[in-house]
């Protein structure tokens, strides 16, 4: 049936509007500004001297600028995440850790110092201290971990008669260290404590290290093949996040004790998670997996992929060269790093859903990728020529998310597991989403090491290159 001119015009207008809506954002972000001057007036058209309108600083960062960024974040965290102890019954501040009340708690500061996010922050601070030589980062970690150990030791003596942790009316209970109930409670804090213990940056940490290791290794629920799992949101669920909430702890336990069974367990987790959750044709991990679900939805959430690649890096760092699983894990790491580099956004950040450019750019995952890929270059696992420019741009991009106050912006809040895109696409971001701080220290410290190890990082023919040309033509 023939359409009337009005119907045809209306349909054409709707189609035109749809095309504009679908393409407008991308065009606004990536279309360069047209320059209308003649070549005689501006010979840069021919010589390549025109300046691109980059949305992110392009040339590699200097060591001084990296250190300044880390110092700004540290200054903010000093006041936003203090070691502050309170009476769990009255809420009164406890100023002397040698005179603790029977029921003790940690005050609820802006950023909490006994969570998995802060386990990553302590690890990042220790790496920053080692890389920069700045004692402030080590001091920050030592004061808080030693204080936590002191308060936890006291709290352990005042458990309820049945061994349970008493409920506090004020502040935050020490339950997560006294009686861990999840990998979130234990893994990242465990890894940080072992690292601190190994360099003498924490007093009396060993009892709490052993407590955490026992939970991860012997108590946490597992599938029948030994894969660490949860029974939420559905029975026998795997969360990709749990690779970082377990593997670094196990890897560091192997390094601390010399017991190779911890290395074996850590390697098994990475390989068995990847068998279920690594999508080979994409080179990316899905966020969640549930036993028996068919077909299985694939949502490559950025931060979960960050947890996974950081877990591989943590294990490869300490896994003996002769370990039978090392080659397979290294191959997996390289495949993942290549896919992540290919998924990087045009301005240097990575997107909340890695395969959906319409999803927002997310800071914590971007910093995780910069750290993990830069570490691979520094250890010789990745070719600097192929991966160096991506991490250089990535670091420049994440630094634009550190505001003048030292807060890290653009970080997705804590996130469960979802089976539809909107769940991930509209998760809120907040400067108090603690996931962004530790990865910034890890990334910055590793970028400093990269700058020191790569003598030839140049801008040649307008592009960043890790290596110099032999001739001018």
Protein backbone atom coordinates (compact mmCIF):
# COMPACT_ATOMS: atom_id res chain seq x y z
CA UNK A 1 0.00 0.00 0.00
CA UNK A 2 1.37 3.45 -0.99
CA UNK A 3 2.32 5.80 1.86
CA UNK A 4 1.12 9.39 1.89
CA UNK A 5 3.75 12.14 1.53
CA UNK A 6 3.10 13.14 5.15
CA UNK A 7 3.68 9.56 6.38
CA UNK A 8 6.84 9.25 4.32
CA UNK A 9 8.16 12.59 5.58
CA UNK A 10 7.37 11.68 9.20
CA UNK A 11 9.13 8.32 8.84
CA UNK A 12 12.16 9.98 7.26
CA UNK A 13 12.32 12.52 10.08
CA UNK A 14 12.12 9.78 12.72
CA UNK A 15 14.90 7.80 11.00
CA UNK A 16 17.05 10.90 10.74
CA UNK A 17 16.55 11.68 14.42
CA UNK A 18 17.40 8.10 15.38
CA UNK A 19 20.64 8.23 13.40
CA UNK A 20 21.54 11.54 15.03
CA UNK A 21 20.85 10.16 18.51
CA UNK A 22 22.85 7.00 17.87
CA UNK A 23 25.85 8.76 16.33
CA UNK A 24 25.80 12.17 17.98
CA UNK A 25 27.71 11.27 21.12
CA UNK A 26 30.49 9.47 19.29
CA UNK A 27 30.77 12.31 16.79
CA UNK A 28 30.97 14.91 19.55
CA UNK A 29 33.72 12.96 21.27
CA UNK A 30 35.94 12.00 18.35
CA UNK A 31 35.42 14.42 15.42
CA UNK A 32 38.36 16.85 15.25
CA UNK A 33 37.83 20.58 14.85
CA UNK A 34 38.06 21.56 11.19
CA UNK A 35 40.75 24.18 10.48
CA UNK A 36 40.03 26.62 7.64
CA UNK A 37 43.37 28.23 6.77
CA UNK A 38 45.31 27.94 3.57
CA UNK A 39 48.48 25.80 3.32
CA UNK A 40 50.46 28.94 2.44
CA UNK A 41 49.46 30.50 5.76
CA UNK A 42 49.74 27.28 7.79
CA UNK A 43 52.19 24.80 6.21
CA UNK A 44 51.56 22.43 9.11
CA UNK A 45 49.02 20.70 6.85
CA UNK A 46 51.97 19.30 4.94
CA UNK A 47 54.66 19.07 7.60
CA UNK A 48 52.54 17.46 10.33
CA UNK A 49 52.97 20.32 12.79
CA UNK A 50 49.27 20.89 13.46
CA UNK A 51 48.33 20.21 17.08
CA UNK A 52 45.66 17.53 17.59
CA UNK A 53 42.70 18.38 19.80
CA UNK A 54 43.30 15.53 22.27
CA UNK A 55 40.77 15.09 25.12
CA UNK A 56 43.50 13.63 27.39
CA UNK A 57 47.13 14.76 27.75
CA UNK A 58 48.98 12.65 25.21
CA UNK A 59 52.71 12.79 25.85
CA UNK A 60 54.03 10.35 28.48
CA UNK A 61 53.81 11.57 32.06
CA UNK A 62 56.92 12.61 33.92
CA UNK A 63 58.06 10.93 37.11
CA UNK A 64 57.47 14.19 38.94
CA UNK A 65 53.85 14.40 37.81
CA UNK A 66 53.17 10.78 38.78
CA UNK A 67 54.60 11.33 42.25
CA UNK A 68 52.61 14.55 42.65
CA UNK A 69 49.38 12.69 41.85
CA UNK A 70 50.12 9.97 44.39
CA UNK A 71 51.02 12.53 47.03
CA UNK A 72 47.74 14.37 46.47
CA UNK A 73 45.72 11.18 46.91
CA UNK A 74 47.73 10.25 50.01
CA UNK A 75 47.10 13.65 51.58
CA UNK A 76 43.37 13.19 51.11
CA UNK A 77 43.39 9.66 52.53
CA UNK A 78 45.29 10.73 55.62
CA UNK A 79 42.27 12.75 56.72
CA UNK A 80 39.52 10.64 55.13
CA UNK A 81 40.64 7.26 56.48
CA UNK A 82 42.26 7.70 59.91
CA UNK A 83 42.76 4.99 62.49
CA UNK A 84 40.06 6.05 64.92
CA UNK A 85 38.89 3.72 67.68
CA UNK A 86 35.69 4.11 69.68
CA UNK A 87 33.91 2.46 72.58
CA UNK A 88 31.42 0.16 70.89
CA UNK A 89 28.92 0.71 73.71
CA UNK A 90 29.06 4.47 74.21
CA UNK A 91 30.66 5.78 71.02
CA UNK A 92 33.31 7.67 73.01
CA UNK A 93 36.62 8.16 71.23
CA UNK A 94 39.48 5.97 72.50
CA UNK A 95 42.74 7.89 72.34
CA UNK A 96 45.03 5.34 74.00
CA UNK A 97 45.24 1.88 72.41
CA UNK A 98 46.80 0.57 75.61
CA UNK A 99 43.58 1.36 77.50
CA UNK A 100 40.81 -0.17 75.42
CA UNK A 101 37.23 -0.69 76.66
CA UNK A 102 35.78 -4.22 76.75
CA UNK A 103 33.67 -3.61 73.62
CA UNK A 104 35.82 -1.87 71.05
CA UNK A 105 35.07 -0.77 67.48
CA UNK A 106 36.53 1.21 64.61
CA UNK A 107 34.94 4.57 63.95
CA UNK A 108 32.99 4.90 60.70
CA UNK A 109 35.22 7.33 58.83
CA UNK A 110 34.63 8.47 55.23
CA UNK A 111 36.67 5.55 53.93
CA UNK A 112 36.82 2.39 56.05
CA UNK A 113 40.19 0.85 56.86
CA UNK A 114 39.16 -2.79 57.35
CA UNK A 115 37.60 -3.70 54.01
CA UNK A 116 38.80 -5.48 50.89
CA UNK A 117 39.10 -2.14 49.09
CA UNK A 118 41.51 -0.97 51.76
CA UNK A 119 43.47 -4.20 51.51
CA UNK A 120 44.20 -3.12 47.94
CA UNK A 121 45.05 0.38 49.16
CA UNK A 122 47.58 -0.96 51.69
CA UNK A 123 49.19 -3.07 48.97
CA UNK A 124 49.30 -0.02 46.71
CA UNK A 125 50.82 2.16 49.41
CA UNK A 126 53.52 -0.43 50.11
CA UNK A 127 54.39 -0.60 46.42
CA UNK A 128 54.44 3.19 46.21
CA UNK A 129 56.78 3.35 49.21
CA UNK A 130 59.12 0.86 47.59
CA UNK A 131 59.08 2.61 44.20
CA UNK A 132 59.27 6.24 45.33
CA UNK A 133 61.27 5.87 48.53
CA UNK A 134 58.68 8.10 50.22
CA UNK A 135 58.25 6.85 53.79
CA UNK A 136 54.79 8.41 54.15
CA UNK A 137 53.14 5.54 52.29
CA UNK A 138 54.75 2.90 54.47
CA UNK A 139 53.93 4.90 57.60
CA UNK A 140 50.27 5.15 56.59
CA UNK A 141 50.05 1.38 56.14
CA UNK A 142 52.02 0.47 59.23
CA UNK A 143 50.01 2.71 61.55
CA UNK A 144 46.68 1.33 60.41
CA UNK A 145 47.57 -2.35 60.16
CA UNK A 146 49.37 -2.32 63.50
CA UNK A 147 46.44 -0.52 65.09
CA UNK A 148 43.95 -2.97 63.62
CA UNK A 149 46.01 -5.90 64.95
CA UNK A 150 46.17 -4.35 68.43
CA UNK A 151 42.43 -3.69 68.57
CA UNK A 152 41.56 -7.11 67.13
CA UNK A 153 43.77 -8.87 69.69
CA UNK A 154 41.92 -7.04 72.46
CA UNK A 155 38.51 -7.77 70.90
CA UNK A 156 39.32 -11.46 70.64
CA UNK A 157 39.69 -11.59 74.42
CA UNK A 158 36.18 -10.21 74.82
CA UNK A 159 34.18 -12.47 72.53
CA UNK A 160 30.79 -13.59 73.75
CA UNK A 161 30.54 -16.77 75.81
CA UNK A 162 29.57 -18.75 72.69
CA UNK A 163 32.57 -17.40 70.78
CA UNK A 164 30.55 -14.99 68.66
CA UNK A 165 31.47 -11.35 68.07
CA UNK A 166 29.28 -9.00 70.16
CA UNK A 167 27.18 -6.45 68.31
CA UNK A 168 28.37 -2.88 68.70
CA UNK A 169 26.03 0.07 69.08
CA UNK A 170 28.60 2.50 67.69
CA UNK A 171 31.29 2.21 65.05
CA UNK A 172 32.28 -0.76 62.95
CA UNK A 173 32.69 -4.19 64.51
CA UNK A 174 35.93 -6.16 64.18
CA UNK A 175 33.90 -9.18 63.06
CA UNK A 176 35.45 -9.38 59.57
CA UNK A 177 38.94 -9.98 60.99
CA UNK A 178 37.91 -11.99 64.05
CA UNK A 179 35.44 -14.29 62.29
CA UNK A 180 35.64 -13.93 58.47
CA UNK A 181 32.53 -15.05 56.64
CA UNK A 182 33.46 -14.36 53.04
CA UNK A 183 36.35 -13.88 50.67
CA UNK A 184 35.56 -10.16 50.75
CA UNK A 185 36.30 -10.21 54.47
CA UNK A 186 39.62 -11.94 54.13
CA UNK A 187 41.55 -12.20 50.86
CA UNK A 188 42.70 -8.67 50.03
CA UNK A 189 43.43 -7.80 53.66
CA UNK A 190 45.36 -11.03 54.03
CA UNK A 191 47.57 -10.29 51.02
CA UNK A 192 48.28 -6.77 52.27
CA UNK A 193 49.15 -7.99 55.75
CA UNK A 194 51.58 -10.59 54.42
CA UNK A 195 53.28 -7.98 52.23
CA UNK A 196 53.53 -5.65 55.23
CA UNK A 197 54.81 -8.47 57.44
CA UNK A 198 57.48 -9.40 54.90
CA UNK A 199 58.91 -5.86 54.85
CA UNK A 200 58.48 -5.18 58.56
CA UNK A 201 55.66 -2.68 58.11
CA UNK A 202 53.28 -4.06 60.69
CA UNK A 203 53.48 -5.39 64.23
CA UNK A 204 51.86 -8.63 65.45
CA UNK A 205 50.18 -9.36 62.12
CA UNK A 206 50.97 -13.07 61.92
CA UNK A 207 48.02 -14.35 64.00
CA UNK A 208 45.61 -12.44 61.75
CA UNK A 209 47.40 -13.55 58.61
CA UNK A 210 47.02 -17.16 59.71
CA UNK A 211 43.35 -16.57 60.52
CA UNK A 212 42.67 -15.14 57.07
CA UNK A 213 44.64 -17.85 55.27
CA UNK A 214 42.79 -20.58 57.12
CA UNK A 215 39.46 -19.13 56.06
CA UNK A 216 40.38 -18.74 52.37
CA UNK A 217 42.13 -22.08 52.18
CA UNK A 218 39.97 -24.22 54.41
CA UNK A 219 36.58 -22.66 55.16
CA UNK A 220 35.20 -20.77 52.15
CA UNK A 221 32.57 -22.71 50.17
CA UNK A 222 33.83 -24.47 47.04
CA UNK A 223 32.40 -26.38 44.11
CA UNK A 224 33.01 -30.11 43.96
CA UNK A 225 36.24 -29.58 41.97
CA UNK A 226 37.63 -27.17 44.57
CA UNK A 227 36.76 -23.90 42.81
CA UNK A 228 36.00 -21.14 45.32
CA UNK A 229 32.35 -20.15 45.02
CA UNK A 230 29.39 -18.46 46.71
CA UNK A 231 25.78 -19.46 47.16
CA UNK A 232 24.50 -16.06 46.14
CA UNK A 233 22.85 -14.61 44.20
CA UNK A 234 22.10 -18.24 43.28
CA UNK A 235 23.47 -21.58 44.49
CA UNK A 236 26.98 -22.41 43.22
CA UNK A 237 27.81 -19.01 41.77
CA UNK A 238 31.27 -17.89 40.68
CA UNK A 239 32.12 -14.20 40.97
CA UNK A 240 35.13 -13.15 38.93
CA UNK A 241 35.92 -10.65 41.72
CA UNK A 242 36.81 -13.61 43.91
CA UNK A 243 39.99 -14.29 41.97
CA UNK A 244 41.48 -11.22 43.63
CA UNK A 245 39.73 -11.97 46.91
CA UNK A 246 41.57 -15.30 47.09
CA UNK A 247 44.56 -15.72 44.76
CA UNK A 248 46.83 -12.94 46.12
CA UNK A 249 46.26 -14.24 49.66
CA UNK A 250 47.12 -17.80 48.64
CA UNK A 251 50.08 -16.66 46.56
CA UNK A 252 51.51 -14.57 49.39
CA UNK A 253 50.91 -17.44 51.83
CA UNK A 254 53.00 -19.67 49.59
CA UNK A 255 55.75 -17.06 49.54
CA UNK A 256 55.58 -16.54 53.31
CA UNK A 257 55.49 -20.17 54.38
CA UNK A 258 57.26 -21.98 51.56
CA UNK A 259 54.30 -24.37 51.35
CA UNK A 260 53.79 -25.08 47.64
CA UNK A 261 50.20 -26.25 48.18
CA UNK A 262 49.16 -22.60 48.41
CA UNK A 263 50.68 -21.95 44.99
CA UNK A 264 48.89 -25.01 43.63
CA UNK A 265 45.54 -23.83 44.98
CA UNK A 266 46.03 -20.30 43.64
CA UNK A 267 46.91 -21.61 40.18
CA UNK A 268 43.93 -23.97 40.25
CA UNK A 269 41.59 -21.08 40.99
CA UNK A 270 42.77 -19.05 38.01
CA UNK A 271 42.63 -21.98 35.61
CA UNK A 272 39.28 -23.33 36.78
CA UNK A 273 37.65 -19.91 36.82
CA UNK A 274 38.98 -19.29 33.30
CA UNK A 275 37.62 -22.60 32.00
CA UNK A 276 34.14 -21.43 32.91
CA UNK A 277 34.35 -17.65 32.52
CA UNK A 278 37.02 -16.65 29.98
CA UNK A 279 35.41 -16.02 26.59
CA UNK A 280 38.24 -16.91 24.23
CA UNK A 281 36.80 -15.28 21.11
CA UNK A 282 36.61 -11.97 22.98
CA UNK A 283 39.65 -12.37 25.20
CA UNK A 284 37.57 -11.13 28.15
CA UNK A 285 35.97 -12.63 31.24
CA UNK A 286 32.29 -12.64 32.04
CA UNK A 287 31.49 -11.23 35.47
CA UNK A 288 29.38 -14.06 36.87
CA UNK A 289 28.80 -17.76 36.28
CA UNK A 290 26.16 -20.04 37.79
CA UNK A 291 26.28 -23.82 37.81
CA UNK A 292 23.83 -25.23 35.27
CA UNK A 293 22.77 -21.93 33.67
CA UNK A 294 22.26 -22.35 29.92
CA UNK A 295 22.88 -20.43 27.76
CA UNK A 296 25.15 -18.31 29.89
CA UNK A 297 24.84 -14.51 29.55
CA UNK A 298 28.15 -12.72 29.07
CA UNK A 299 28.69 -9.32 30.66
CA UNK A 300 32.39 -8.29 30.67
CA UNK A 301 32.19 -5.88 33.58
CA UNK A 302 35.35 -3.83 33.64
CA UNK A 303 36.27 -3.98 37.32
CA UNK A 304 35.76 -7.74 37.47
CA UNK A 305 38.20 -8.08 34.58
CA UNK A 306 40.51 -5.82 36.57
CA UNK A 307 40.31 -8.12 39.58
CA UNK A 308 41.11 -11.08 37.32
CA UNK A 309 44.17 -9.66 35.60
CA UNK A 310 45.53 -8.28 38.88
CA UNK A 311 45.13 -11.73 40.45
CA UNK A 312 47.16 -13.25 37.62
CA UNK A 313 49.85 -10.62 38.06
CA UNK A 314 49.98 -11.22 41.82
CA UNK A 315 50.44 -14.95 41.31
CA UNK A 316 52.97 -14.68 38.47
CA UNK A 317 55.02 -12.34 40.66
CA UNK A 318 55.75 -15.08 43.22
CA UNK A 319 54.96 -18.36 41.43
CA UNK A 320 58.11 -20.45 40.96
CA UNK A 321 59.36 -20.50 37.38
CA UNK A 322 59.21 -24.29 37.32
CA UNK A 323 55.60 -24.51 38.49
CA UNK A 324 53.63 -26.70 36.03
CA UNK A 325 50.79 -24.17 35.72
CA UNK A 326 52.94 -21.10 35.13
CA UNK A 327 53.05 -21.29 31.33
CA UNK A 328 49.26 -21.65 31.04
CA UNK A 329 48.62 -18.73 33.39
CA UNK A 330 51.13 -16.58 31.54
CA UNK A 331 49.42 -17.38 28.22
CA UNK A 332 46.05 -16.48 29.73
CA UNK A 333 47.44 -13.23 31.11
CA UNK A 334 48.87 -12.28 27.71
CA UNK A 335 45.63 -13.04 25.88
CA UNK A 336 43.66 -11.01 28.41
CA UNK A 337 46.10 -8.07 28.28
CA UNK A 338 45.90 -7.99 24.48
CA UNK A 339 42.09 -7.94 24.50
CA UNK A 340 41.97 -5.27 27.19
CA UNK A 341 44.36 -3.07 25.24
CA UNK A 342 42.16 -3.43 22.17
CA UNK A 343 39.11 -2.44 24.25
CA UNK A 344 40.64 0.81 25.54
CA UNK A 345 38.47 3.86 24.91
CA UNK A 346 39.51 6.68 22.60
CA UNK A 347 40.49 8.99 25.47
CA UNK A 348 42.48 6.38 27.41
CA UNK A 349 39.91 5.07 29.89
CA UNK A 350 38.04 1.79 29.71
CA UNK A 351 34.26 1.44 29.72
CA UNK A 352 32.05 0.00 32.46
CA UNK A 353 31.07 -2.82 30.09
CA UNK A 354 34.19 -3.39 28.07
CA UNK A 355 32.37 -4.27 24.86
CA UNK A 356 29.84 -1.42 25.00
CA UNK A 357 31.27 1.98 24.17
CA UNK A 358 27.98 3.59 25.13
CA UNK A 359 28.61 2.60 28.77
CA UNK A 360 30.43 5.15 30.90
CA UNK A 361 34.20 5.32 31.37
CA UNK A 362 35.16 3.83 34.73
CA UNK A 363 38.21 4.82 36.76
CA UNK A 364 38.98 1.93 39.11
CA UNK A 365 39.11 -0.68 36.35
CA UNK A 366 41.17 1.63 34.14
CA UNK A 367 43.77 2.01 36.90
CA UNK A 368 43.77 -1.76 37.44
CA UNK A 369 44.52 -2.36 33.76
CA UNK A 370 47.30 0.24 33.75
CA UNK A 371 48.92 -1.46 36.75
CA UNK A 372 48.60 -5.02 35.48
CA UNK A 373 49.79 -4.28 31.95
CA UNK A 374 52.64 -2.01 33.09
CA UNK A 375 53.76 -4.73 35.51
CA UNK A 376 53.79 -7.19 32.60
CA UNK A 377 56.06 -4.89 30.62
CA UNK A 378 58.34 -4.36 33.60
CA UNK A 379 58.66 -8.11 34.15
CA UNK A 380 59.25 -8.94 30.50
CA UNK A 381 55.93 -10.74 30.05
CA UNK A 382 54.69 -8.20 27.50
CA UNK A 383 56.38 -6.29 24.67
CA UNK A 384 56.82 -2.63 25.63
CA UNK A 385 56.51 -1.58 22.00
CA UNK A 386 53.03 -3.09 21.72
CA UNK A 387 51.64 -2.29 25.17
CA UNK A 388 53.60 0.73 26.39
CA UNK A 389 51.61 3.40 24.53
CA UNK A 390 48.31 2.05 25.91
CA UNK A 391 49.41 2.24 29.54
CA UNK A 392 51.01 5.65 28.99
CA UNK A 393 47.69 6.99 27.72
CA UNK A 394 45.78 5.03 30.36
CA UNK A 395 47.77 6.60 33.19
CA UNK A 396 47.30 10.08 31.75
CA UNK A 397 43.57 9.40 31.55
CA UNK A 398 43.10 8.18 35.11
CA UNK A 399 44.99 11.16 36.49
CA UNK A 400 42.33 13.43 35.02
CA UNK A 401 39.94 11.73 37.46
CA UNK A 402 41.92 12.84 40.53
CA UNK A 403 40.47 16.14 41.65
CA UNK A 404 42.26 18.97 43.42
CA UNK A 405 41.28 17.55 46.80
CA UNK A 406 42.90 14.20 46.00
CA UNK A 407 39.65 12.30 45.58
CA UNK A 408 39.35 9.71 42.81
CA UNK A 409 36.28 10.41 40.71
CA UNK A 410 34.38 8.18 38.29
CA UNK A 411 34.53 4.97 40.31
CA UNK A 412 31.60 2.57 40.19
CA UNK A 413 30.16 1.74 43.60
CA UNK A 414 30.10 -1.81 44.96
CA UNK A 415 28.36 -4.05 42.47
CA UNK A 416 26.62 -7.39 42.69
CA UNK A 417 26.04 -9.79 39.81
CA UNK A 418 23.53 -8.99 37.08
CA UNK A 419 22.08 -10.66 33.99
CA UNK A 420 21.05 -7.64 31.97
CA UNK A 421 23.01 -4.69 30.58
CA UNK A 422 21.08 -1.96 32.39
CA UNK A 423 22.21 -3.32 35.77
CA UNK A 424 25.83 -2.47 34.88
CA UNK A 425 25.23 0.57 32.68
CA UNK A 426 23.53 2.60 35.41
CA UNK A 427 25.50 1.69 38.52
CA UNK A 428 26.27 4.95 40.36
CA UNK A 429 29.76 6.43 40.70
CA UNK A 430 31.03 8.19 43.82
CA UNK A 431 34.25 9.65 45.21
CA UNK A 432 33.73 7.50 48.32
CA UNK A 433 33.59 4.30 46.26
CA UNK A 434 36.77 2.99 47.82
CA UNK A 435 37.70 0.70 44.92
CA UNK A 436 39.45 3.52 43.06
CA UNK A 437 42.17 4.42 45.54
CA UNK A 438 44.33 1.30 45.83
CA UNK A 439 44.55 0.77 42.05
CA UNK A 440 45.74 4.36 41.62
CA UNK A 441 48.71 3.72 43.90
CA UNK A 442 49.45 0.41 42.19
CA UNK A 443 49.24 1.98 38.74
CA UNK A 444 51.29 5.05 39.64
CA UNK A 445 54.03 3.01 41.29
CA UNK A 446 54.25 0.65 38.33
CA UNK A 447 54.32 3.53 35.86
CA UNK A 448 57.26 5.04 37.75
CA UNK A 449 59.07 1.72 37.45
CA UNK A 450 58.22 1.65 33.75
CA UNK A 451 59.66 5.11 33.14
CA UNK A 452 62.88 4.07 34.84
CA UNK A 453 63.24 0.82 32.93
CA UNK A 454 62.47 2.17 29.45
CA UNK A 455 65.22 4.48 28.28
CA UNK A 456 63.60 5.29 24.94
CA UNK A 457 60.02 6.53 25.31
CA UNK A 458 59.56 9.13 22.60
CA UNK A 459 56.95 10.94 20.57
CA UNK A 460 57.88 10.27 16.95
CA UNK A 461 55.74 11.19 13.94
CA UNK A 462 53.16 12.40 16.44
CA UNK A 463 52.74 9.05 18.21
CA UNK A 464 54.08 7.67 21.50
CA UNK A 465 56.66 4.94 20.88
CA UNK A 466 58.63 2.77 23.25
CA UNK A 467 61.81 2.72 21.18
CA UNK A 468 63.65 5.18 18.92
CA UNK A 469 63.83 5.19 15.15
CA UNK A 470 67.23 4.41 13.64
CA UNK A 471 66.96 7.09 10.97
CA UNK A 472 65.14 10.39 10.49
CA UNK A 473 63.40 9.14 7.31
